[in-house]
Amino acid sequence: MTGTGVTGGRTADRVKAAAGLMAVWVALLWVLEAVDVASGHALDAYGVIPREVSELPDIVPSAFMHFGFGHLASNSVPLLVFGFLAALGGIRRFLAVSLMIIVVDGLGVWLVSPDNTNTAGASGLIFGLFGYLVVRGFVDRKLVEVGVGLLIGAVWGSSILLGLSPTNTGVSWQGHLFGLLAGIAAAFVFRRRRTPAALPGGAVV
């Protein structure tokens, strides 16, 4: 097999793995929402209520819960797109990035959201993946990823800015903000390490 064939096979495998992962991820969200509706919205209790210690274990589950099918539908497409593009860089890296975003975002919501609120949904992860994708190419110094980030910013940038506005009632701008910041930080935390080039005699540069 030629080198080109090996590279093409690896690319196809990554595309299949990323598409399969995100299809299962989003399908799981729809199953959970169906269970929530059938149970009289019992799963809404897994949202995050701020500054109650007993709510800390709900930080991760809250990213998989939604308040109705409309809420879930609005999150499904960007989660599929951003998740797929991020997962193309490697499934393990993507899962680590997603976990960091979910935990940091959940802690931020727990700390600063208004009293007597209940926050749930994948939008914090979506904002985090947006920030990650926009910054990742510059951090990794990969031209293709820079182009992907710029395209994502051009298409979804205005919606992201609107979601960060405190005047946008009915949404957790706190969750959006902490998700975005966590995604940007994740691009640095999980940046690809550059392999030093070897020189004759075994020295590296």
N, C-alpha and C. Protein backbone atom coordinates (compact mmCIF):
# COMPACT_ATOMS: atom_id res chain seq x y z
N MET A 1 0.86 -1.21 0.00
CA MET A 1 0.00 0.00 0.00
C MET A 1 0.88 1.24 0.00
N THR A 2 0.53 2.23 -0.77
CA THR A 2 1.31 3.46 -0.85
C THR A 2 1.07 4.32 0.37
N GLY A 3 1.99 5.29 0.58
CA GLY A 3 1.82 6.20 1.70
C GLY A 3 0.53 6.99 1.58
N THR A 4 0.17 7.38 0.38
CA THR A 4 -1.08 8.13 0.17
C THR A 4 -2.28 7.29 0.57
N GLY A 5 -2.24 6.01 0.24
CA GLY A 5 -3.36 5.14 0.60
C GLY A 5 -3.50 4.99 2.09
N VAL A 6 -2.36 4.87 2.81
CA VAL A 6 -2.40 4.76 4.27
C VAL A 6 -3.00 6.02 4.87
N THR A 7 -2.53 7.18 4.39
CA THR A 7 -3.05 8.45 4.91
C THR A 7 -4.54 8.59 4.65
N GLY A 8 -4.96 8.22 3.44
CA GLY A 8 -6.38 8.30 3.12
C GLY A 8 -7.22 7.38 3.97
N GLY A 9 -6.68 6.19 4.26
CA GLY A 9 -7.41 5.25 5.11
C GLY A 9 -7.56 5.77 6.53
N ARG A 10 -6.49 6.39 7.04
CA ARG A 10 -6.56 6.94 8.40
C ARG A 10 -7.56 8.08 8.47
N THR A 11 -7.57 8.92 7.44
CA THR A 11 -8.52 10.04 7.41
C THR A 11 -9.96 9.52 7.39
N ALA A 12 -10.20 8.52 6.57
CA ALA A 12 -11.55 7.94 6.50
C ALA A 12 -11.96 7.34 7.84
N ASP A 13 -11.02 6.68 8.51
CA ASP A 13 -11.31 6.10 9.82
C ASP A 13 -11.66 7.18 10.84
N ARG A 14 -10.93 8.29 10.79
CA ARG A 14 -11.21 9.40 11.72
C ARG A 14 -12.58 10.01 11.46
N VAL A 15 -12.91 10.16 10.19
CA VAL A 15 -14.22 10.72 9.84
C VAL A 15 -15.33 9.81 10.34
N LYS A 16 -15.19 8.51 10.12
CA LYS A 16 -16.20 7.55 10.57
C LYS A 16 -16.32 7.55 12.09
N ALA A 17 -15.18 7.57 12.78
CA ALA A 17 -15.20 7.54 14.24
C ALA A 17 -15.85 8.81 14.80
N ALA A 18 -15.49 9.98 14.24
CA ALA A 18 -16.04 11.24 14.72
C ALA A 18 -17.54 11.32 14.44
N ALA A 19 -17.96 10.92 13.24
CA ALA A 19 -19.38 10.95 12.89
C ALA A 19 -20.17 9.98 13.75
N GLY A 20 -19.63 8.78 13.95
CA GLY A 20 -20.32 7.79 14.76
C GLY A 20 -20.48 8.23 16.20
N LEU A 21 -19.41 8.79 16.77
CA LEU A 21 -19.46 9.25 18.15
C LEU A 21 -20.52 10.32 18.34
N MET A 22 -20.53 11.31 17.45
CA MET A 22 -21.47 12.42 17.63
C MET A 22 -22.91 11.99 17.33
N ALA A 23 -23.09 11.05 16.42
CA ALA A 23 -24.44 10.54 16.16
C ALA A 23 -24.98 9.84 17.41
N VAL A 24 -24.14 9.04 18.04
CA VAL A 24 -24.56 8.35 19.27
C VAL A 24 -24.78 9.35 20.40
N TRP A 25 -23.91 10.34 20.51
CA TRP A 25 -24.01 11.35 21.57
C TRP A 25 -25.34 12.08 21.48
N VAL A 26 -25.66 12.60 20.29
CA VAL A 26 -26.90 13.36 20.13
C VAL A 26 -28.12 12.45 20.26
N ALA A 27 -28.03 11.23 19.76
CA ALA A 27 -29.14 10.29 19.92
C ALA A 27 -29.41 10.02 21.39
N LEU A 28 -28.35 9.92 22.19
CA LEU A 28 -28.51 9.71 23.63
C LEU A 28 -29.26 10.87 24.27
N LEU A 29 -28.96 12.09 23.84
CA LEU A 29 -29.66 13.25 24.38
C LEU A 29 -31.15 13.18 24.09
N TRP A 30 -31.52 12.73 22.89
CA TRP A 30 -32.93 12.61 22.53
C TRP A 30 -33.61 11.50 23.32
N VAL A 31 -32.91 10.42 23.55
CA VAL A 31 -33.47 9.34 24.37
C VAL A 31 -33.70 9.82 25.80
N LEU A 32 -32.72 10.54 26.34
CA LEU A 32 -32.86 11.05 27.70
C LEU A 32 -34.03 12.03 27.82
N GLU A 33 -34.21 12.87 26.80
CA GLU A 33 -35.32 13.81 26.85
C GLU A 33 -36.66 13.10 26.74
N ALA A 34 -36.71 12.04 25.94
CA ALA A 34 -37.93 11.24 25.86
C ALA A 34 -38.25 10.61 27.21
N VAL A 35 -37.23 10.10 27.88
CA VAL A 35 -37.42 9.54 29.23
C VAL A 35 -37.88 10.62 30.20
N ASP A 36 -37.30 11.80 30.07
CA ASP A 36 -37.66 12.92 30.94
C ASP A 36 -39.14 13.28 30.79
N VAL A 37 -39.59 13.37 29.54
CA VAL A 37 -40.99 13.70 29.28
C VAL A 37 -41.91 12.60 29.80
N ALA A 38 -41.53 11.35 29.55
CA ALA A 38 -42.36 10.22 29.98
C ALA A 38 -42.44 10.11 31.50
N SER A 39 -41.41 10.60 32.18
CA SER A 39 -41.37 10.51 33.64
C SER A 39 -41.90 11.77 34.33
N GLY A 40 -42.53 12.64 33.56
CA GLY A 40 -43.03 13.88 34.15
C GLY A 40 -41.92 14.85 34.48
N HIS A 41 -40.87 14.84 33.65
CA HIS A 41 -39.72 15.74 33.79
C HIS A 41 -38.92 15.49 35.07
N ALA A 42 -38.83 14.23 35.45
CA ALA A 42 -38.07 13.86 36.64
C ALA A 42 -36.58 14.13 36.45
N LEU A 43 -36.08 14.05 35.21
CA LEU A 43 -34.65 14.23 34.97
C LEU A 43 -34.22 15.69 35.06
N ASP A 44 -35.18 16.62 35.10
CA ASP A 44 -34.82 18.02 35.25
C ASP A 44 -34.11 18.27 36.57
N ALA A 45 -34.28 17.35 37.52
CA ALA A 45 -33.62 17.48 38.83
C ALA A 45 -32.11 17.38 38.71
N TYR A 46 -31.61 16.89 37.56
CA TYR A 46 -30.16 16.78 37.37
C TYR A 46 -29.54 18.05 36.83
N GLY A 47 -30.33 19.12 36.74
CA GLY A 47 -29.74 20.42 36.42
C GLY A 47 -28.98 20.93 37.63
N VAL A 48 -28.25 22.03 37.44
CA VAL A 48 -27.40 22.58 38.49
C VAL A 48 -28.10 23.76 39.17
N ILE A 49 -28.33 23.63 40.45
CA ILE A 49 -28.85 24.72 41.27
C ILE A 49 -27.66 25.33 42.00
N PRO A 50 -27.43 26.63 41.85
CA PRO A 50 -26.18 27.23 42.34
C PRO A 50 -25.99 27.21 43.85
N ARG A 51 -24.72 27.01 44.21
CA ARG A 51 -24.21 27.13 45.56
C ARG A 51 -24.84 26.17 46.57
N GLU A 52 -25.36 25.08 46.09
CA GLU A 52 -25.80 24.00 46.97
C GLU A 52 -24.84 22.83 46.77
N VAL A 53 -24.15 22.45 47.85
CA VAL A 53 -23.11 21.43 47.74
C VAL A 53 -23.67 20.13 47.18
N SER A 54 -24.90 19.81 47.50
CA SER A 54 -25.50 18.57 47.02
C SER A 54 -25.69 18.55 45.51
N GLU A 55 -25.56 19.73 44.86
CA GLU A 55 -25.74 19.83 43.41
C GLU A 55 -24.45 19.57 42.62
N LEU A 56 -23.32 19.53 43.29
CA LEU A 56 -22.05 19.36 42.58
C LEU A 56 -21.98 18.06 41.77
N PRO A 57 -22.53 16.94 42.26
CA PRO A 57 -22.50 15.72 41.43
C PRO A 57 -23.32 15.83 40.15
N ASP A 58 -24.18 16.85 40.05
CA ASP A 58 -25.02 17.00 38.86
C ASP A 58 -24.33 17.80 37.75
N ILE A 59 -23.11 18.26 37.99
CA ILE A 59 -22.43 19.10 37.01
C ILE A 59 -22.27 18.38 35.67
N VAL A 60 -21.83 17.14 35.69
CA VAL A 60 -21.66 16.40 34.43
C VAL A 60 -23.01 15.98 33.84
N PRO A 61 -23.91 15.36 34.62
CA PRO A 61 -25.21 14.97 34.03
C PRO A 61 -26.00 16.15 33.46
N SER A 62 -25.84 17.34 34.04
CA SER A 62 -26.63 18.49 33.57
C SER A 62 -26.35 18.81 32.10
N ALA A 63 -25.15 18.47 31.61
CA ALA A 63 -24.82 18.76 30.21
C ALA A 63 -25.55 17.84 29.25
N PHE A 64 -26.23 16.81 29.78
CA PHE A 64 -26.95 15.86 28.93
C PHE A 64 -28.47 15.99 29.07
N MET A 65 -28.92 16.91 29.92
CA MET A 65 -30.35 17.10 30.16
C MET A 65 -30.83 18.38 29.49
N HIS A 66 -32.12 18.40 29.10
CA HIS A 66 -32.69 19.57 28.46
C HIS A 66 -34.10 19.81 28.98
N PHE A 67 -34.54 21.05 28.86
CA PHE A 67 -35.88 21.43 29.30
C PHE A 67 -36.82 21.44 28.10
N GLY A 68 -37.12 20.28 27.58
CA GLY A 68 -38.05 20.16 26.47
C GLY A 68 -37.36 19.87 25.16
N PHE A 69 -38.14 19.36 24.20
CA PHE A 69 -37.58 19.00 22.90
C PHE A 69 -37.16 20.22 22.09
N GLY A 70 -37.82 21.36 22.30
CA GLY A 70 -37.42 22.57 21.60
C GLY A 70 -36.01 23.00 22.00
N HIS A 71 -35.76 22.94 23.31
CA HIS A 71 -34.44 23.26 23.84
C HIS A 71 -33.39 22.33 23.24
N LEU A 72 -33.69 21.05 23.21
CA LEU A 72 -32.76 20.05 22.67
C LEU A 72 -32.55 20.24 21.17
N ALA A 73 -33.63 20.51 20.44
CA ALA A 73 -33.51 20.67 18.99
C ALA A 73 -32.59 21.84 18.63
N SER A 74 -32.66 22.93 19.40
CA SER A 74 -31.83 24.09 19.10
C SER A 74 -30.36 23.81 19.36
N ASN A 75 -30.07 22.82 20.21
CA ASN A 75 -28.68 22.48 20.52
C ASN A 75 -28.12 21.36 19.64
N SER A 76 -28.99 20.59 19.01
CA SER A 76 -28.53 19.37 18.34
C SER A 76 -27.61 19.64 17.15
N VAL A 77 -27.99 20.57 16.28
CA VAL A 77 -27.19 20.81 15.07
C VAL A 77 -25.81 21.37 15.40
N PRO A 78 -25.72 22.45 16.20
CA PRO A 78 -24.36 22.94 16.51
C PRO A 78 -23.53 21.93 17.27
N LEU A 79 -24.15 21.12 18.13
CA LEU A 79 -23.38 20.10 18.85
C LEU A 79 -22.84 19.05 17.88
N LEU A 80 -23.68 18.64 16.93
CA LEU A 80 -23.23 17.68 15.91
C LEU A 80 -22.06 18.24 15.10
N VAL A 81 -22.19 19.48 14.64
CA VAL A 81 -21.17 20.08 13.78
C VAL A 81 -19.88 20.33 14.55
N PHE A 82 -19.99 21.02 15.69
CA PHE A 82 -18.79 21.35 16.45
C PHE A 82 -18.13 20.09 17.00
N GLY A 83 -18.95 19.16 17.49
CA GLY A 83 -18.40 17.93 18.03
C GLY A 83 -17.68 17.11 16.97
N PHE A 84 -18.28 17.01 15.79
CA PHE A 84 -17.66 16.27 14.69
C PHE A 84 -16.32 16.88 14.30
N LEU A 85 -16.28 18.19 14.14
CA LEU A 85 -15.05 18.85 13.74
C LEU A 85 -13.96 18.72 14.81
N ALA A 86 -14.36 18.81 16.07
CA ALA A 86 -13.38 18.67 17.15
C ALA A 86 -12.89 17.23 17.27
N ALA A 87 -13.79 16.27 17.08
CA ALA A 87 -13.43 14.85 17.21
C ALA A 87 -12.54 14.37 16.07
N LEU A 88 -12.51 15.09 14.95
CA LEU A 88 -11.61 14.72 13.86
C LEU A 88 -10.15 14.78 14.30
N GLY A 89 -9.87 15.56 15.34
CA GLY A 89 -8.51 15.67 15.86
C GLY A 89 -8.11 14.53 16.76
N GLY A 90 -9.01 13.56 16.95
CA GLY A 90 -8.72 12.42 17.82
C GLY A 90 -9.81 12.26 18.87
N ILE A 91 -10.31 11.05 19.02
CA ILE A 91 -11.42 10.82 19.94
C ILE A 91 -11.01 11.05 21.39
N ARG A 92 -9.85 10.54 21.78
CA ARG A 92 -9.43 10.70 23.18
C ARG A 92 -9.22 12.17 23.52
N ARG A 93 -8.62 12.89 22.61
CA ARG A 93 -8.42 14.33 22.82
C ARG A 93 -9.77 15.04 22.92
N PHE A 94 -10.69 14.68 22.05
CA PHE A 94 -12.01 15.30 22.07
C PHE A 94 -12.73 15.02 23.39
N LEU A 95 -12.69 13.79 23.87
CA LEU A 95 -13.36 13.45 25.12
C LEU A 95 -12.74 14.20 26.29
N ALA A 96 -11.42 14.34 26.29
CA ALA A 96 -10.76 15.09 27.36
C ALA A 96 -11.16 16.56 27.32
N VAL A 97 -11.18 17.13 26.11
CA VAL A 97 -11.60 18.53 25.95
C VAL A 97 -13.04 18.71 26.41
N SER A 98 -13.92 17.81 26.01
CA SER A 98 -15.34 17.92 26.37
C SER A 98 -15.53 17.81 27.88
N LEU A 99 -14.81 16.89 28.51
CA LEU A 99 -14.93 16.74 29.97
C LEU A 99 -14.46 18.00 30.67
N MET A 100 -13.36 18.57 30.22
CA MET A 100 -12.87 19.80 30.83
C MET A 100 -13.89 20.92 30.69
N ILE A 101 -14.46 21.06 29.49
CA ILE A 101 -15.45 22.12 29.27
C ILE A 101 -16.66 21.91 30.17
N ILE A 102 -17.17 20.70 30.23
CA ILE A 102 -18.37 20.41 31.01
C ILE A 102 -18.13 20.70 32.49
N VAL A 103 -16.99 20.27 33.02
CA VAL A 103 -16.71 20.45 34.45
C VAL A 103 -16.48 21.92 34.78
N VAL A 104 -15.64 22.61 34.00
CA VAL A 104 -15.38 24.02 34.27
C VAL A 104 -16.65 24.85 34.11
N ASP A 105 -17.40 24.58 33.06
CA ASP A 105 -18.65 25.30 32.83
C ASP A 105 -19.63 25.06 33.97
N GLY A 106 -19.78 23.80 34.38
CA GLY A 106 -20.70 23.49 35.47
C GLY A 106 -20.32 24.15 36.78
N LEU A 107 -19.02 24.17 37.07
CA LEU A 107 -18.57 24.84 38.28
C LEU A 107 -18.83 26.33 38.21
N GLY A 108 -18.62 26.93 37.04
CA GLY A 108 -18.91 28.35 36.88
C GLY A 108 -20.37 28.67 37.09
N VAL A 109 -21.24 27.84 36.52
CA VAL A 109 -22.68 28.01 36.72
C VAL A 109 -23.03 27.87 38.19
N TRP A 110 -22.46 26.88 38.84
CA TRP A 110 -22.74 26.63 40.26
C TRP A 110 -22.31 27.82 41.13
N LEU A 111 -21.23 28.47 40.72
CA LEU A 111 -20.70 29.57 41.54
C LEU A 111 -21.43 30.88 41.33
N VAL A 112 -21.80 31.22 40.10
CA VAL A 112 -22.23 32.60 39.83
C VAL A 112 -23.66 32.75 39.32
N SER A 113 -24.34 31.67 39.00
CA SER A 113 -25.72 31.83 38.52
C SER A 113 -26.63 32.38 39.61
N PRO A 114 -27.71 33.03 39.23
CA PRO A 114 -28.63 33.59 40.23
C PRO A 114 -29.25 32.51 41.11
N ASP A 115 -29.64 32.90 42.30
CA ASP A 115 -30.32 31.99 43.21
C ASP A 115 -31.62 31.49 42.59
N ASN A 116 -32.02 30.30 43.02
CA ASN A 116 -33.30 29.70 42.62
C ASN A 116 -33.40 29.47 41.11
N THR A 117 -32.28 29.20 40.48
CA THR A 117 -32.29 28.83 39.06
C THR A 117 -31.83 27.38 38.91
N ASN A 118 -32.23 26.78 37.82
CA ASN A 118 -31.85 25.41 37.52
C ASN A 118 -31.31 25.39 36.08
N THR A 119 -30.04 25.08 35.93
CA THR A 119 -29.38 25.17 34.62
C THR A 119 -29.02 23.79 34.09
N ALA A 120 -29.43 23.51 32.87
CA ALA A 120 -29.10 22.24 32.22
C ALA A 120 -29.04 22.47 30.72
N GLY A 121 -28.42 21.54 30.02
CA GLY A 121 -28.37 21.61 28.57
C GLY A 121 -26.95 21.53 28.03
N ALA A 122 -26.84 21.27 26.74
CA ALA A 122 -25.55 21.10 26.09
C ALA A 122 -24.96 22.41 25.59
N SER A 123 -25.63 23.53 25.83
CA SER A 123 -25.15 24.78 25.24
C SER A 123 -23.80 25.21 25.81
N GLY A 124 -23.53 24.92 27.08
CA GLY A 124 -22.22 25.24 27.63
C GLY A 124 -21.11 24.50 26.89
N LEU A 125 -21.36 23.22 26.59
CA LEU A 125 -20.41 22.44 25.81
C LEU A 125 -20.29 22.98 24.39
N ILE A 126 -21.40 23.39 23.81
CA ILE A 126 -21.39 23.94 22.45
C ILE A 126 -20.54 25.21 22.39
N PHE A 127 -20.74 26.11 23.35
CA PHE A 127 -19.95 27.33 23.38
C PHE A 127 -18.48 27.00 23.61
N GLY A 128 -18.22 25.99 24.44
CA GLY A 128 -16.85 25.58 24.68
C GLY A 128 -16.19 25.02 23.44
N LEU A 129 -16.89 24.18 22.71
CA LEU A 129 -16.33 23.61 21.48
C LEU A 129 -16.12 24.70 20.43
N PHE A 130 -17.02 25.67 20.41
CA PHE A 130 -16.82 26.81 19.50
C PHE A 130 -15.50 27.51 19.81
N GLY A 131 -15.30 27.86 21.07
CA GLY A 131 -14.05 28.53 21.45
C GLY A 131 -12.83 27.67 21.16
N TYR A 132 -12.96 26.39 21.42
CA TYR A 132 -11.86 25.45 21.17
C TYR A 132 -11.51 25.40 19.69
N LEU A 133 -12.51 25.30 18.83
CA LEU A 133 -12.27 25.20 17.40
C LEU A 133 -11.69 26.49 16.83
N VAL A 134 -12.15 27.63 17.32
CA VAL A 134 -11.66 28.91 16.80
C VAL A 134 -10.19 29.12 17.16
N VAL A 135 -9.80 28.67 18.36
CA VAL A 135 -8.44 28.92 18.85
C VAL A 135 -7.47 27.80 18.49
N ARG A 136 -7.96 26.56 18.37
CA ARG A 136 -7.11 25.39 18.23
C ARG A 136 -6.08 25.50 17.12
N GLY A 137 -6.49 25.96 15.96
CA GLY A 137 -5.58 26.03 14.82
C GLY A 137 -4.40 26.95 15.07
N PHE A 138 -4.64 28.09 15.74
CA PHE A 138 -3.56 29.02 16.04
C PHE A 138 -2.60 28.42 17.07
N VAL A 139 -3.16 27.69 18.04
CA VAL A 139 -2.33 27.08 19.08
C VAL A 139 -1.49 25.95 18.51
N ASP A 140 -2.11 25.10 17.68
CA ASP A 140 -1.40 23.96 17.09
C ASP A 140 -0.59 24.33 15.85
N ARG A 141 -0.80 25.57 15.37
CA ARG A 141 -0.10 26.06 14.17
C ARG A 141 -0.39 25.17 12.96
N LYS A 142 -1.68 24.92 12.76
CA LYS A 142 -2.12 24.12 11.62
C LYS A 142 -3.05 24.97 10.76
N LEU A 143 -2.65 25.19 9.52
CA LEU A 143 -3.37 26.11 8.64
C LEU A 143 -4.79 25.64 8.39
N VAL A 144 -4.99 24.33 8.19
CA VAL A 144 -6.33 23.81 7.92
C VAL A 144 -7.25 24.09 9.10
N GLU A 145 -6.75 23.87 10.33
CA GLU A 145 -7.57 24.10 11.51
C GLU A 145 -7.84 25.58 11.73
N VAL A 146 -6.89 26.43 11.34
CA VAL A 146 -7.13 27.88 11.39
C VAL A 146 -8.29 28.23 10.47
N GLY A 147 -8.29 27.66 9.26
CA GLY A 147 -9.38 27.90 8.32
C GLY A 147 -10.72 27.42 8.85
N VAL A 148 -10.73 26.24 9.48
CA VAL A 148 -11.97 25.72 10.06
C VAL A 148 -12.47 26.65 11.15
N GLY A 149 -11.56 27.12 11.99
CA GLY A 149 -11.96 28.03 13.07
C GLY A 149 -12.53 29.33 12.55
N LEU A 150 -11.90 29.89 11.51
CA LEU A 150 -12.41 31.13 10.93
C LEU A 150 -13.78 30.94 10.29
N LEU A 151 -13.98 29.79 9.65
CA LEU A 151 -15.28 29.49 9.05
C LEU A 151 -16.35 29.36 10.12
N ILE A 152 -16.03 28.63 11.18
CA ILE A 152 -16.97 28.46 12.29
C ILE A 152 -17.32 29.82 12.89
N GLY A 153 -16.29 30.66 13.07
CA GLY A 153 -16.53 31.99 13.62
C GLY A 153 -17.42 32.84 12.74
N ALA A 154 -17.22 32.74 11.42
CA ALA A 154 -18.02 33.53 10.48
C ALA A 154 -19.47 33.09 10.47
N VAL A 155 -19.72 31.78 10.56
CA VAL A 155 -21.09 31.25 10.47
C VAL A 155 -21.84 31.41 11.78
N TRP A 156 -21.19 31.10 12.90
CA TRP A 156 -21.89 31.06 14.18
C TRP A 156 -21.50 32.19 15.13
N GLY A 157 -20.57 33.05 14.74
CA GLY A 157 -20.08 34.08 15.65
C GLY A 157 -21.16 34.99 16.21
N SER A 158 -22.08 35.44 15.37
CA SER A 158 -23.12 36.36 15.84
C SER A 158 -24.05 35.68 16.84
N SER A 159 -24.36 34.41 16.61
CA SER A 159 -25.21 33.67 17.55
C SER A 159 -24.51 33.48 18.89
N ILE A 160 -23.20 33.23 18.84
CA ILE A 160 -22.43 33.07 20.07
C ILE A 160 -22.42 34.37 20.86
N LEU A 161 -22.20 35.49 20.19
CA LEU A 161 -22.20 36.78 20.88
C LEU A 161 -23.56 37.07 21.50
N LEU A 162 -24.64 36.75 20.80
CA LEU A 162 -25.97 36.96 21.34
C LEU A 162 -26.18 36.12 22.59
N GLY A 163 -25.67 34.89 22.58
CA GLY A 163 -25.83 34.01 23.73
C GLY A 163 -25.04 34.44 24.95
N LEU A 164 -24.08 35.35 24.76
CA LEU A 164 -23.28 35.85 25.87
C LEU A 164 -23.88 37.09 26.51
N SER A 165 -24.94 37.62 25.90
CA SER A 165 -25.53 38.87 26.40
C SER A 165 -26.38 38.64 27.64
N PRO A 166 -26.11 39.37 28.74
CA PRO A 166 -26.94 39.24 29.94
C PRO A 166 -28.39 39.67 29.73
N THR A 167 -28.64 40.43 28.65
CA THR A 167 -30.01 40.88 28.38
C THR A 167 -30.83 39.82 27.67
N ASN A 168 -30.20 38.73 27.26
CA ASN A 168 -30.90 37.65 26.56
C ASN A 168 -31.56 36.76 27.61
N THR A 169 -32.79 37.07 27.95
CA THR A 169 -33.48 36.36 29.02
C THR A 169 -33.86 34.95 28.60
N GLY A 170 -33.95 34.08 29.58
CA GLY A 170 -34.35 32.71 29.32
C GLY A 170 -33.21 31.76 29.01
N VAL A 171 -31.99 32.30 28.92
CA VAL A 171 -30.81 31.46 28.70
C VAL A 171 -29.78 31.77 29.77
N SER A 172 -28.91 30.82 30.03
CA SER A 172 -27.85 31.02 31.02
C SER A 172 -26.62 31.60 30.34
N TRP A 173 -26.53 32.94 30.32
CA TRP A 173 -25.35 33.54 29.72
C TRP A 173 -24.11 33.17 30.53
N GLN A 174 -24.31 32.89 31.83
CA GLN A 174 -23.17 32.47 32.65
C GLN A 174 -22.61 31.13 32.15
N GLY A 175 -23.53 30.19 31.85
CA GLY A 175 -23.10 28.90 31.33
C GLY A 175 -22.43 29.03 29.99
N HIS A 176 -22.94 29.92 29.15
CA HIS A 176 -22.33 30.15 27.84
C HIS A 176 -20.93 30.74 27.98
N LEU A 177 -20.80 31.72 28.87
CA LEU A 177 -19.51 32.39 29.04
C LEU A 177 -18.45 31.44 29.59
N PHE A 178 -18.79 30.70 30.65
CA PHE A 178 -17.81 29.78 31.23
C PHE A 178 -17.48 28.65 30.26
N GLY A 179 -18.46 28.21 29.48
CA GLY A 179 -18.19 27.19 28.47
C GLY A 179 -17.20 27.70 27.44
N LEU A 180 -17.42 28.92 26.95
CA LEU A 180 -16.53 29.52 25.95
C LEU A 180 -15.11 29.64 26.49
N LEU A 181 -14.98 30.16 27.72
CA LEU A 181 -13.65 30.33 28.31
C LEU A 181 -12.97 28.98 28.53
N ALA A 182 -13.75 27.98 28.94
CA ALA A 182 -13.18 26.65 29.14
C ALA A 182 -12.70 26.05 27.84
N GLY A 183 -13.43 26.27 26.75
CA GLY A 183 -13.01 25.75 25.45
C GLY A 183 -11.73 26.39 24.96
N ILE A 184 -11.61 27.70 25.16
CA ILE A 184 -10.37 28.39 24.78
C ILE A 184 -9.20 27.86 25.59
N ALA A 185 -9.41 27.70 26.90
CA ALA A 185 -8.35 27.15 27.75
C ALA A 185 -7.98 25.73 27.33
N ALA A 186 -8.97 24.94 26.94
CA ALA A 186 -8.72 23.55 26.54
C ALA A 186 -7.82 23.48 25.31
N ALA A 187 -7.93 24.46 24.42
CA ALA A 187 -7.08 24.47 23.23
C ALA A 187 -5.61 24.55 23.62
N PHE A 188 -5.31 25.23 24.72
CA PHE A 188 -3.93 25.34 25.20
C PHE A 188 -3.54 24.12 26.03
N VAL A 189 -4.45 23.68 26.90
CA VAL A 189 -4.15 22.55 27.77
C VAL A 189 -3.89 21.28 26.96
N PHE A 190 -4.68 21.07 25.90
CA PHE A 190 -4.57 19.85 25.10
C PHE A 190 -3.95 20.11 23.73
N ARG A 191 -3.11 21.13 23.64
CA ARG A 191 -2.45 21.42 22.36
C ARG A 191 -1.52 20.26 21.99
N ARG A 192 -1.31 20.11 20.71
CA ARG A 192 -0.44 19.05 20.22
C ARG A 192 1.02 19.44 20.43
N ARG A 193 1.77 18.52 21.02
CA ARG A 193 3.19 18.77 21.24
C ARG A 193 3.95 18.57 19.93
N ARG A 194 4.77 19.52 19.59
CA ARG A 194 5.53 19.44 18.35
C ARG A 194 6.76 18.57 18.56
N THR A 195 6.97 17.62 17.66
CA THR A 195 8.13 16.73 17.75
C THR A 195 9.35 17.44 17.21
N PRO A 196 10.43 17.55 18.00
CA PRO A 196 11.63 18.24 17.52
C PRO A 196 12.21 17.54 16.30
N ALA A 197 12.73 18.33 15.36
CA ALA A 197 13.35 17.76 14.16
C ALA A 197 14.76 17.29 14.48
N ALA A 198 15.09 16.11 14.00
CA ALA A 198 16.40 15.54 14.28
C ALA A 198 17.45 16.06 13.30
N LEU A 199 18.66 16.29 13.81
CA LEU A 199 19.79 16.69 12.99
C LEU A 199 20.76 15.52 12.86
N PRO A 200 21.64 15.54 11.89
CA PRO A 200 22.65 14.49 11.78
C PRO A 200 23.44 14.38 13.07
N GLY A 201 23.67 13.15 13.51
CA GLY A 201 24.39 12.93 14.74
C GLY A 201 23.50 12.80 15.95
N GLY A 202 22.19 12.93 15.75
CA GLY A 202 21.24 12.69 16.83
C GLY A 202 20.77 13.93 17.55
N ALA A 203 21.33 15.12 17.24
CA ALA A 203 20.86 16.34 17.89
C ALA A 203 19.48 16.71 17.38
N VAL A 204 18.75 17.46 18.17
CA VAL A 204 17.41 17.89 17.77
C VAL A 204 17.34 19.39 17.84
N VAL A 205 16.35 19.93 17.08
CA VAL A 205 16.10 21.36 17.09
C VAL A 205 14.64 21.60 17.38
